[in-house]
């Protein structure tokens, strides 16, 4: 049972949290209401192609920076996890200079449309879209709500987890239903300023709480940036699977690339992506690892509860309420972004193709968003037994990331490959990774870290697709990336 002081602090946090959340909503509404809505797919899923570079940068940053990162990475309570964010800088550069021009030339709404264009068949598009939706609905939406609810609870808002997750999911749904990607991107940008500012303040206050001596009483393995073989990120994996994970996440992942495709031009999109890259390398690594290490000094090894407990310790109640609101906004923004991307994939890749043409995407979006919200909240308890939410998500991510990336690699580097061959490659990669990681689980000299095995999955998926295309379908693949880019340029000119 809470004491009177604790209960009072919780009431203050809840009041401030709700007040700041309302202020962000009003600021978002004031910005978005000046833009008209026509219910088209471009309006709902690409913000009408009117996002300037600032909102592109803010949307990309907050779509990624949610409690999955702040809670999950700090929950490892070691500096090593900063490599995910440092390597993300290079992933964003690849998005800006390689994939942004490709998507704009192809004139697509979803990344899966590009696959259909390249392979000349819709089967690969449907399969990849289904895998994306599977991950969003069953993993990323409920996991994001769970980690957000966990943070709010451990930071002092003493309400049941499902109540907190329900609040976050309902508000995210409201943004998605009311304004589509435009509302989501604007809200992400406004809330992102607050999240980053207070997250940096928490780093400063956390270091001050331990007299700026982050190493005192902390085991060396929690301070090193050179990961051992049994660590979450062995050092050699930075040169094997890590770069391919980043290419997949930043360049072919619908919730991220959707923001980059919503600008009026390639140049404006690239400016936004590069601004997000600067934030990624200058700010994000510190805020996702230093508080966790300080929490180890103060509280010991407490896994994913580290960040929320530290915030409750170093911030006064009124300011922790502001940060709770900022984190709530980040979770809401992340959830709304994934919801909007999931609805877009369903509407464009399934409803329009297999049900009927969509006259009003805003109406369809509202209906599907409602269903996703209910299922996401219902699945939150599934993640309550995870020791580390971020490591679990990264491991599960391998089921889809490398198989899907293989379809993009083959489609963008080769001509003459059939859609059926790409499908076989994707299915092979999915089954291989699942068997190795969750069924076989080898040990000893033949065991590979899951990041290393992602390279095996990617390479073998590409090889299987090309082999099936030649041996089973009689096709002749030709390595011709210049020809592929020339074909995309012709489409853009037309």
Protein backbone atom coordinates (compact mmCIF):
# COMPACT_ATOMS: atom_id res chain seq x y z
CA UNK A 1 0.00 0.00 0.00
CA UNK A 2 1.25 3.50 -0.81
CA UNK A 3 2.00 6.00 1.95
CA UNK A 4 0.26 9.36 1.91
CA UNK A 5 3.35 11.06 0.48
CA UNK A 6 3.73 8.43 -2.23
CA UNK A 7 0.07 8.68 -3.12
CA UNK A 8 0.35 12.46 -3.30
CA UNK A 9 3.39 12.20 -5.56
CA UNK A 10 1.53 9.79 -7.80
CA UNK A 11 -1.44 12.18 -8.03
CA UNK A 12 0.91 15.03 -8.97
CA UNK A 13 2.55 12.89 -11.64
CA UNK A 14 -0.78 11.83 -13.11
CA UNK A 15 -2.09 15.41 -13.16
CA UNK A 16 1.05 16.82 -14.78
CA UNK A 17 1.20 13.89 -17.21
CA UNK A 18 -2.38 14.44 -18.35
CA UNK A 19 -1.86 18.20 -18.59
CA UNK A 20 1.24 17.97 -20.77
CA UNK A 21 -0.37 15.25 -22.92
CA UNK A 22 -3.34 17.56 -23.50
CA UNK A 23 -1.03 20.48 -24.35
CA UNK A 24 0.80 18.38 -26.97
CA UNK A 25 -2.55 17.30 -28.43
CA UNK A 26 -3.76 20.91 -28.69
CA UNK A 27 -0.49 22.05 -30.31
CA UNK A 28 -0.73 19.19 -32.79
CA UNK A 29 -4.36 19.99 -33.60
CA UNK A 30 -3.52 23.68 -34.14
CA UNK A 31 -0.84 22.72 -36.66
CA UNK A 32 -2.71 19.95 -38.47
CA UNK A 33 -6.09 21.70 -38.81
CA UNK A 34 -4.64 24.11 -41.36
CA UNK A 35 -4.13 21.21 -43.78
CA UNK A 36 -7.04 19.82 -45.72
CA UNK A 37 -7.93 16.12 -45.93
CA UNK A 38 -9.23 14.33 -49.01
CA UNK A 39 -9.23 10.75 -47.68
CA UNK A 40 -6.79 9.51 -50.32
CA UNK A 41 -4.07 6.98 -49.57
CA UNK A 42 -1.42 9.69 -50.00
CA UNK A 43 -3.27 11.95 -47.58
CA UNK A 44 -3.73 9.34 -44.84
CA UNK A 45 -0.49 7.35 -45.14
CA UNK A 46 1.98 9.90 -46.58
CA UNK A 47 0.64 13.16 -45.07
CA UNK A 48 -0.25 14.38 -48.55
CA UNK A 49 3.46 14.54 -49.40
CA UNK A 50 3.74 17.80 -47.45
CA UNK A 51 6.02 17.06 -44.49
CA UNK A 52 8.97 19.42 -44.37
CA UNK A 53 12.40 18.22 -43.25
CA UNK A 54 11.85 19.16 -39.60
CA UNK A 55 8.77 16.96 -39.25
CA UNK A 56 10.44 14.14 -41.21
CA UNK A 57 13.36 14.24 -38.77
CA UNK A 58 11.11 14.44 -35.71
CA UNK A 59 8.86 11.64 -36.90
CA UNK A 60 11.74 9.28 -37.72
CA UNK A 61 13.44 9.99 -34.38
CA UNK A 62 10.35 9.41 -32.22
CA UNK A 63 9.12 6.41 -34.22
CA UNK A 64 12.36 4.74 -33.19
CA UNK A 65 12.93 6.33 -29.77
CA UNK A 66 10.23 4.93 -27.58
CA UNK A 67 10.32 3.00 -24.34
CA UNK A 68 11.64 -0.01 -26.27
CA UNK A 69 14.92 1.92 -26.36
CA UNK A 70 14.81 3.97 -23.16
CA UNK A 71 13.49 1.16 -20.98
CA UNK A 72 14.91 -1.80 -22.87
CA UNK A 73 18.44 -0.59 -23.54
CA UNK A 74 18.88 0.98 -20.10
CA UNK A 75 17.47 -2.28 -18.73
CA UNK A 76 20.63 -4.06 -19.87
CA UNK A 77 22.53 -1.69 -17.55
CA UNK A 78 25.68 -1.68 -19.68
CA UNK A 79 27.30 0.80 -22.07
CA UNK A 80 27.62 -1.82 -24.78
CA UNK A 81 24.03 -1.35 -25.99
CA UNK A 82 24.96 2.09 -27.36
CA UNK A 83 26.24 0.30 -30.46
CA UNK A 84 22.65 -0.19 -31.67
CA UNK A 85 22.24 3.59 -31.86
CA UNK A 86 25.74 4.39 -33.11
CA UNK A 87 25.38 1.96 -35.98
CA UNK A 88 21.92 3.38 -36.65
CA UNK A 89 23.66 6.59 -37.80
CA UNK A 90 25.11 4.68 -40.76
CA UNK A 91 21.76 3.04 -41.44
CA UNK A 92 20.18 6.48 -41.78
CA UNK A 93 22.90 7.59 -44.21
CA UNK A 94 22.10 4.59 -46.39
CA UNK A 95 18.40 5.48 -46.24
CA UNK A 96 19.11 9.08 -47.26
CA UNK A 97 21.47 8.47 -50.16
CA UNK A 98 20.43 5.05 -51.48
CA UNK A 99 16.82 4.23 -50.68
CA UNK A 100 15.10 7.64 -50.57
CA UNK A 101 15.84 8.27 -54.28
CA UNK A 102 14.64 4.74 -55.10
CA UNK A 103 11.29 5.15 -53.32
CA UNK A 104 10.60 8.55 -54.87
CA UNK A 105 11.44 7.28 -58.33
CA UNK A 106 9.15 4.28 -57.84
CA UNK A 107 6.29 6.52 -56.60
CA UNK A 108 5.11 4.05 -53.97
CA UNK A 109 3.04 4.33 -50.81
CA UNK A 110 4.39 1.16 -49.19
CA UNK A 111 7.82 -0.40 -49.51
CA UNK A 112 6.15 -3.62 -50.61
CA UNK A 113 4.85 -1.93 -53.77
CA UNK A 114 8.46 -1.55 -54.85
CA UNK A 115 8.91 -5.32 -54.64
CA UNK A 116 5.93 -5.90 -56.91
CA UNK A 117 7.36 -3.44 -59.43
CA UNK A 118 10.77 -5.08 -59.42
CA UNK A 119 9.57 -8.69 -59.68
CA UNK A 120 6.58 -8.09 -61.92
CA UNK A 121 4.34 -10.18 -59.67
CA UNK A 122 2.24 -9.47 -56.61
CA UNK A 123 2.97 -12.64 -54.65
CA UNK A 124 6.16 -11.35 -53.06
CA UNK A 125 4.45 -8.09 -52.16
CA UNK A 126 1.62 -9.91 -50.40
CA UNK A 127 3.96 -12.23 -48.50
CA UNK A 128 6.28 -9.48 -47.24
CA UNK A 129 3.34 -7.28 -46.29
CA UNK A 130 1.81 -10.18 -44.34
CA UNK A 131 5.10 -10.70 -42.47
CA UNK A 132 5.29 -6.99 -41.67
CA UNK A 133 1.72 -7.03 -40.36
CA UNK A 134 2.37 -10.17 -38.32
CA UNK A 135 5.29 -8.49 -36.56
CA UNK A 136 3.51 -5.19 -35.99
CA UNK A 137 0.28 -6.64 -34.65
CA UNK A 138 1.62 -9.50 -32.53
CA UNK A 139 5.00 -8.12 -31.41
CA UNK A 140 5.81 -4.44 -31.82
CA UNK A 141 2.50 -2.79 -30.90
CA UNK A 142 1.89 -4.78 -27.69
CA UNK A 143 5.59 -4.71 -26.74
CA UNK A 144 5.66 -0.92 -27.11
CA UNK A 145 2.57 -0.52 -24.96
CA UNK A 146 3.99 -2.92 -22.37
CA UNK A 147 7.33 -1.12 -22.06
CA UNK A 148 5.55 2.25 -21.88
CA UNK A 149 3.19 1.06 -19.17
CA UNK A 150 6.12 -0.49 -17.28
CA UNK A 151 8.01 2.80 -17.33
CA UNK A 152 5.05 4.84 -16.11
CA UNK A 153 4.40 2.36 -13.30
CA UNK A 154 8.02 2.13 -12.13
CA UNK A 155 8.35 5.93 -12.36
CA UNK A 156 5.60 6.28 -9.74
CA UNK A 157 2.21 6.28 -11.48
CA UNK A 158 0.66 3.49 -9.44
CA UNK A 159 -2.04 2.15 -11.74
CA UNK A 160 -2.52 -1.36 -13.16
CA UNK A 161 -0.40 -2.17 -16.22
CA UNK A 162 -3.42 -2.80 -18.45
CA UNK A 163 -4.96 0.53 -17.44
CA UNK A 164 -1.78 2.39 -18.39
CA UNK A 165 -1.39 0.41 -21.62
CA UNK A 166 -5.05 1.02 -22.44
CA UNK A 167 -4.65 4.78 -21.98
CA UNK A 168 -1.56 4.89 -24.21
CA UNK A 169 -3.18 2.73 -26.89
CA UNK A 170 -6.44 4.69 -26.92
CA UNK A 171 -4.73 8.06 -27.34
CA UNK A 172 -2.49 6.65 -30.09
CA UNK A 173 -5.57 5.37 -31.87
CA UNK A 174 -7.18 8.80 -31.63
CA UNK A 175 -4.23 10.41 -33.41
CA UNK A 176 -4.21 7.76 -36.12
CA UNK A 177 -7.95 8.03 -36.70
CA UNK A 178 -8.15 11.82 -36.67
CA UNK A 179 -5.24 12.98 -38.75
CA UNK A 180 -3.37 10.04 -40.25
CA UNK A 181 0.37 10.32 -40.72
CA UNK A 182 0.28 14.13 -40.66
CA UNK A 183 -1.04 14.25 -37.10
CA UNK A 184 1.31 11.47 -36.02
CA UNK A 185 4.39 13.20 -37.46
CA UNK A 186 3.56 16.58 -35.97
CA UNK A 187 2.87 15.08 -32.55
CA UNK A 188 6.10 13.06 -32.73
CA UNK A 189 8.10 16.21 -33.46
CA UNK A 190 6.56 18.29 -30.67
CA UNK A 191 6.83 15.54 -28.07
CA UNK A 192 10.32 14.64 -29.29
CA UNK A 193 11.71 18.00 -28.22
CA UNK A 194 10.50 17.37 -24.67
CA UNK A 195 11.62 13.74 -24.59
CA UNK A 196 15.16 14.53 -25.73
CA UNK A 197 15.53 17.57 -23.47
CA UNK A 198 14.43 15.78 -20.30
CA UNK A 199 16.27 12.58 -21.24
CA UNK A 200 19.50 14.59 -21.45
CA UNK A 201 18.65 16.23 -18.11
CA UNK A 202 18.19 12.77 -16.57
CA UNK A 203 21.67 11.79 -17.76
CA UNK A 204 23.11 14.88 -16.08
CA UNK A 205 21.16 14.36 -12.83
CA UNK A 206 22.00 10.65 -12.81
CA UNK A 207 25.72 11.34 -13.16
CA UNK A 208 25.48 14.00 -10.47
CA UNK A 209 23.82 11.45 -8.15
CA UNK A 210 26.98 9.31 -8.30
CA UNK A 211 29.40 12.29 -8.24
CA UNK A 212 30.11 11.84 -11.95
CA UNK A 213 31.92 8.57 -11.24
CA UNK A 214 30.07 6.08 -13.41
CA UNK A 215 32.62 3.31 -12.81
CA UNK A 216 32.46 3.04 -9.02
CA UNK A 217 31.25 -0.40 -8.00
CA UNK A 218 30.26 -1.38 -11.56
CA UNK A 219 31.76 -4.58 -13.06
CA UNK A 220 34.08 -3.93 -16.05
CA UNK A 221 31.85 -5.89 -18.43
CA UNK A 222 29.12 -3.30 -17.90
CA UNK A 223 31.45 -0.43 -18.83
CA UNK A 224 33.30 -1.79 -21.82
CA UNK A 225 32.40 -1.05 -25.43
CA UNK A 226 34.21 -4.21 -26.56
CA UNK A 227 31.60 -6.93 -26.17
CA UNK A 228 32.70 -10.42 -25.17
CA UNK A 229 31.48 -13.51 -27.02
CA UNK A 230 28.67 -14.08 -24.49
CA UNK A 231 27.55 -10.44 -24.33
CA UNK A 232 24.41 -9.01 -26.01
CA UNK A 233 26.64 -7.51 -28.75
CA UNK A 234 29.95 -9.36 -29.29
CA UNK A 235 32.36 -6.86 -30.80
CA UNK A 236 32.91 -8.77 -34.03
CA UNK A 237 29.18 -8.67 -34.82
CA UNK A 238 29.52 -4.95 -35.55
CA UNK A 239 31.27 -6.05 -38.74
CA UNK A 240 28.98 -8.96 -39.59
CA UNK A 241 25.24 -8.73 -39.08
CA UNK A 242 24.88 -5.32 -37.45
CA UNK A 243 25.07 -3.26 -40.64
CA UNK A 244 22.48 -5.46 -42.38
CA UNK A 245 20.14 -5.12 -39.40
CA UNK A 246 20.46 -1.35 -39.69
CA UNK A 247 19.84 -1.37 -43.45
CA UNK A 248 16.69 -3.40 -42.93
CA UNK A 249 15.39 -1.29 -40.06
CA UNK A 250 16.04 2.17 -41.48
CA UNK A 251 15.66 1.54 -45.21
CA UNK A 252 13.03 -1.17 -45.76
CA UNK A 253 10.91 -0.99 -42.59
CA UNK A 254 7.53 0.58 -43.38
CA UNK A 255 7.02 2.65 -40.16
CA UNK A 256 10.39 4.40 -40.76
CA UNK A 257 10.52 4.70 -44.54
CA UNK A 258 6.92 5.94 -44.60
CA UNK A 259 8.11 9.18 -42.93
CA UNK A 260 10.90 9.64 -45.45
CA UNK A 261 8.41 9.15 -48.32
CA UNK A 262 6.08 11.87 -46.99
CA UNK A 263 8.17 14.90 -47.99
CA UNK A 264 7.45 16.97 -51.12
CA UNK A 265 10.79 16.09 -52.74
CA UNK A 266 13.83 13.85 -52.50
CA UNK A 267 15.96 16.76 -51.30
CA UNK A 268 13.55 17.66 -48.48
CA UNK A 269 13.32 14.01 -47.43
CA UNK A 270 17.10 13.67 -47.38
CA UNK A 271 17.44 16.78 -45.22
CA UNK A 272 15.04 15.28 -42.71
CA UNK A 273 16.78 11.90 -42.66
CA UNK A 274 20.20 13.53 -42.21
CA UNK A 275 18.87 15.69 -39.36
CA UNK A 276 17.59 12.50 -37.69
CA UNK A 277 21.05 10.97 -38.19
CA UNK A 278 22.70 13.90 -36.40
CA UNK A 279 20.34 13.48 -33.44
CA UNK A 280 21.01 9.74 -33.51
CA UNK A 281 24.78 10.05 -33.18
CA UNK A 282 24.98 13.10 -30.89
CA UNK A 283 22.24 12.48 -28.32
CA UNK A 284 20.68 9.02 -28.41
CA UNK A 285 23.63 6.78 -27.38
CA UNK A 286 24.11 8.57 -24.04
CA UNK A 287 20.45 8.62 -23.01
CA UNK A 288 19.89 4.90 -23.66
CA UNK A 289 22.81 3.52 -21.64
CA UNK A 290 24.18 5.92 -19.01
CA UNK A 291 21.04 5.99 -16.81
CA UNK A 292 21.01 2.19 -16.78
CA UNK A 293 24.61 1.96 -15.56
CA UNK A 294 23.94 4.56 -12.87
CA UNK A 295 20.86 2.59 -11.82
CA UNK A 296 23.12 -0.44 -11.37
CA UNK A 297 25.25 1.58 -8.95
CA UNK A 298 22.23 2.74 -6.99
CA UNK A 299 19.88 -0.25 -7.07
CA UNK A 300 21.78 -3.23 -8.42
CA UNK A 301 20.74 -5.47 -11.31
CA UNK A 302 17.02 -4.70 -11.80
CA UNK A 303 16.68 -5.26 -15.58
CA UNK A 304 13.93 -3.31 -17.35
CA UNK A 305 12.81 -1.54 -14.16
CA UNK A 306 16.11 0.42 -14.09
CA UNK A 307 15.12 3.49 -16.08
CA UNK A 308 11.77 4.13 -14.46
CA UNK A 309 13.15 3.69 -10.96
CA UNK A 310 16.07 6.03 -11.65
CA UNK A 311 13.74 8.70 -13.01
CA UNK A 312 11.60 8.43 -9.91
CA UNK A 313 14.75 8.84 -7.80
CA UNK A 314 16.48 11.83 -9.44
CA UNK A 315 13.53 13.95 -10.62
CA UNK A 316 11.18 15.91 -8.33
CA UNK A 317 7.51 14.79 -8.58
CA UNK A 318 6.36 17.68 -10.77
CA UNK A 319 9.23 17.25 -13.23
CA UNK A 320 8.94 13.47 -13.24
CA UNK A 321 5.31 14.07 -14.15
CA UNK A 322 6.44 16.18 -17.13
CA UNK A 323 8.83 13.43 -18.18
CA UNK A 324 6.15 10.80 -17.69
CA UNK A 325 4.02 12.87 -20.07
CA UNK A 326 6.90 13.11 -22.54
CA UNK A 327 7.46 9.36 -22.37
CA UNK A 328 3.73 8.76 -22.69
CA UNK A 329 3.79 10.99 -25.77
CA UNK A 330 6.74 9.03 -27.16
CA UNK A 331 4.92 5.73 -26.64
CA UNK A 332 1.76 7.20 -28.12
CA UNK A 333 3.70 8.54 -31.11
CA UNK A 334 5.51 5.25 -31.66
CA UNK A 335 2.29 3.27 -31.34
CA UNK A 336 0.38 5.62 -33.63
CA UNK A 337 3.18 5.47 -36.21
CA UNK A 338 3.22 1.66 -36.23
CA UNK A 339 -0.59 1.60 -36.34
CA UNK A 340 -0.68 4.00 -39.29
CA UNK A 341 1.93 1.92 -41.11
CA UNK A 342 0.06 -1.31 -40.38
CA UNK A 343 -3.24 0.16 -41.55
CA UNK A 344 -1.54 1.44 -44.69
CA UNK A 345 -0.12 -1.99 -45.48
CA UNK A 346 -3.51 -3.62 -44.95
CA UNK A 347 -5.42 -1.02 -46.96
CA UNK A 348 -3.05 -0.81 -49.94
CA UNK A 349 -1.71 -4.36 -50.09
CA UNK A 350 -4.79 -6.34 -49.05
CA UNK A 351 -8.05 -4.43 -48.97
CA UNK A 352 -7.59 -2.66 -52.31
CA UNK A 353 -6.22 -5.79 -53.97
CA UNK A 354 -8.46 -8.51 -52.59
CA UNK A 355 -11.61 -6.87 -51.16
CA UNK A 356 -12.62 -3.71 -53.02
CA UNK A 357 -11.30 -0.26 -53.98
CA UNK A 358 -11.18 2.17 -51.06
CA UNK A 359 -13.19 5.34 -51.56
CA UNK A 360 -12.24 6.90 -48.21
CA UNK A 361 -9.02 5.75 -46.58
CA UNK A 362 -9.70 7.78 -43.44
CA UNK A 363 -12.86 5.77 -42.75
CA UNK A 364 -11.13 2.45 -43.37
CA UNK A 365 -8.18 3.57 -41.25
CA UNK A 366 -10.46 4.31 -38.32
CA UNK A 367 -12.07 0.87 -38.42
CA UNK A 368 -8.81 -1.07 -38.70
CA UNK A 369 -7.11 1.11 -36.08
CA UNK A 370 -9.85 0.26 -33.58
CA UNK A 371 -9.28 -3.46 -34.11
CA UNK A 372 -5.48 -3.10 -33.78
CA UNK A 373 -5.85 -1.11 -30.57
CA UNK A 374 -7.95 -3.78 -28.89
CA UNK A 375 -5.64 -6.65 -29.92
CA UNK A 376 -2.48 -4.74 -28.91
CA UNK A 377 -3.77 -4.01 -25.42
CA UNK A 378 -4.99 -7.59 -25.00
CA UNK A 379 -1.50 -8.94 -25.85
CA UNK A 380 0.40 -6.73 -23.37
CA UNK A 381 0.47 -9.43 -20.61
CA UNK A 382 2.36 -11.76 -22.96
CA UNK A 383 5.50 -9.61 -22.56
CA UNK A 384 5.43 -9.29 -18.78
CA UNK A 385 7.79 -12.25 -18.25
CA UNK A 386 10.56 -10.92 -20.51
CA UNK A 387 13.85 -10.26 -18.66
CA UNK A 388 14.98 -7.80 -21.37
CA UNK A 389 12.42 -6.42 -23.76
CA UNK A 390 15.01 -4.97 -26.17
CA UNK A 391 17.01 -8.22 -26.50
CA UNK A 392 13.80 -10.18 -27.02
CA UNK A 393 12.64 -7.78 -29.74
CA UNK A 394 15.99 -7.84 -31.52
CA UNK A 395 16.00 -11.63 -31.50
CA UNK A 396 12.42 -11.88 -32.76
CA UNK A 397 13.22 -9.26 -35.38
CA UNK A 398 15.53 -11.75 -37.09
CA UNK A 399 12.56 -13.86 -38.14
CA UNK A 400 11.53 -11.22 -40.66
CA UNK A 401 14.40 -8.77 -41.11
CA UNK A 402 16.93 -10.76 -43.11
CA UNK A 403 14.40 -12.73 -45.19
CA UNK A 404 12.67 -9.48 -46.18
CA UNK A 405 15.97 -7.73 -46.84
CA UNK A 406 16.94 -10.60 -49.16
CA UNK A 407 13.93 -9.80 -51.36
CA UNK A 408 15.09 -6.17 -51.65
CA UNK A 409 18.70 -7.19 -52.33
CA UNK A 410 17.72 -9.55 -55.16
CA UNK A 411 15.12 -7.18 -56.57
CA UNK A 412 17.39 -4.12 -56.62
CA UNK A 413 20.61 -5.79 -57.75
CA UNK A 414 19.34 -8.36 -60.27
CA UNK A 415 17.01 -8.48 -63.24
CA UNK A 416 15.25 -11.57 -64.56
CA UNK A 417 14.19 -12.97 -61.18
CA UNK A 418 10.59 -14.14 -60.80
CA UNK A 419 8.36 -13.29 -57.87
CA UNK A 420 8.05 -16.99 -56.98
CA UNK A 421 11.82 -17.24 -56.58
CA UNK A 422 11.88 -14.29 -54.18
CA UNK A 423 9.04 -15.90 -52.20
CA UNK A 424 11.02 -19.13 -51.84
CA UNK A 425 14.05 -17.14 -50.63
CA UNK A 426 12.01 -15.31 -48.00
CA UNK A 427 10.33 -18.48 -46.74
CA UNK A 428 13.69 -20.24 -46.58
CA UNK A 429 15.18 -17.43 -44.48
CA UNK A 430 12.21 -17.32 -42.12
CA UNK A 431 12.29 -21.08 -41.54
CA UNK A 432 16.09 -21.25 -41.22
CA UNK A 433 16.30 -18.48 -38.62
CA UNK A 434 13.35 -19.88 -36.64
CA UNK A 435 14.85 -23.38 -36.62
CA UNK A 436 18.31 -22.22 -35.56
CA UNK A 437 17.21 -19.69 -32.92
CA UNK A 438 14.12 -21.22 -31.34
CA UNK A 439 14.23 -24.96 -32.08
CA UNK A 440 17.78 -26.24 -32.57
CA UNK A 441 19.70 -23.82 -30.30
CA UNK A 442 23.14 -25.37 -30.91
CA UNK A 443 25.95 -25.02 -28.41
CA UNK A 444 29.72 -25.31 -28.44
CA UNK A 445 31.87 -24.55 -31.46
CA UNK A 446 29.04 -24.61 -33.99
CA UNK A 447 26.93 -22.02 -32.13
CA UNK A 448 26.65 -18.57 -33.67
CA UNK A 449 25.39 -15.40 -32.04
CA UNK A 450 22.00 -14.44 -33.47
CA UNK A 451 23.52 -11.29 -35.05
CA UNK A 452 26.10 -13.44 -36.85
CA UNK A 453 23.41 -15.87 -37.93
CA UNK A 454 21.51 -13.04 -39.55
CA UNK A 455 24.31 -12.83 -42.14
CA UNK A 456 23.93 -16.55 -42.79
CA UNK A 457 20.17 -16.09 -43.13
CA UNK A 458 20.52 -13.17 -45.55
CA UNK A 459 23.18 -14.74 -47.75
CA UNK A 460 21.48 -18.12 -47.94
CA UNK A 461 18.10 -16.51 -48.71
CA UNK A 462 19.62 -14.64 -51.65
CA UNK A 463 21.36 -17.81 -52.89
CA UNK A 464 18.20 -19.92 -52.56
CA UNK A 465 16.13 -17.32 -54.46
CA UNK A 466 18.63 -17.17 -57.33
CA UNK A 467 19.07 -20.97 -57.40
CA UNK A 468 15.31 -21.61 -57.45
CA UNK A 469 14.89 -19.02 -60.18
CA UNK A 470 17.48 -20.81 -62.35
CA UNK A 471 16.95 -24.49 -61.53
CA UNK A 472 13.19 -24.67 -60.95
CA UNK A 473 11.88 -21.81 -63.08
CA UNK A 474 14.52 -21.74 -65.83
CA UNK A 475 15.13 -18.02 -65.40
CA UNK A 476 18.43 -16.25 -65.95
CA UNK A 477 19.20 -13.63 -63.33
CA UNK A 478 21.54 -10.85 -64.36
CA UNK A 479 23.50 -8.72 -61.90
CA UNK A 480 22.53 -5.29 -63.21
CA UNK A 481 22.01 -2.65 -60.51
CA UNK A 482 22.59 0.18 -63.01
CA UNK A 483 19.83 -1.16 -65.23
CA UNK A 484 17.47 -1.35 -62.24
CA UNK A 485 18.14 2.28 -61.33
CA UNK A 486 17.71 3.32 -64.95
CA UNK A 487 14.31 1.62 -65.07
CA UNK A 488 13.24 3.42 -61.89
CA UNK A 489 14.42 6.73 -63.36
CA UNK A 490 12.33 6.10 -66.49
CA UNK A 491 9.28 5.44 -64.33
CA UNK A 492 9.82 8.68 -62.38
CA UNK A 493 10.20 10.66 -65.63
CA UNK A 494 6.99 9.15 -67.01
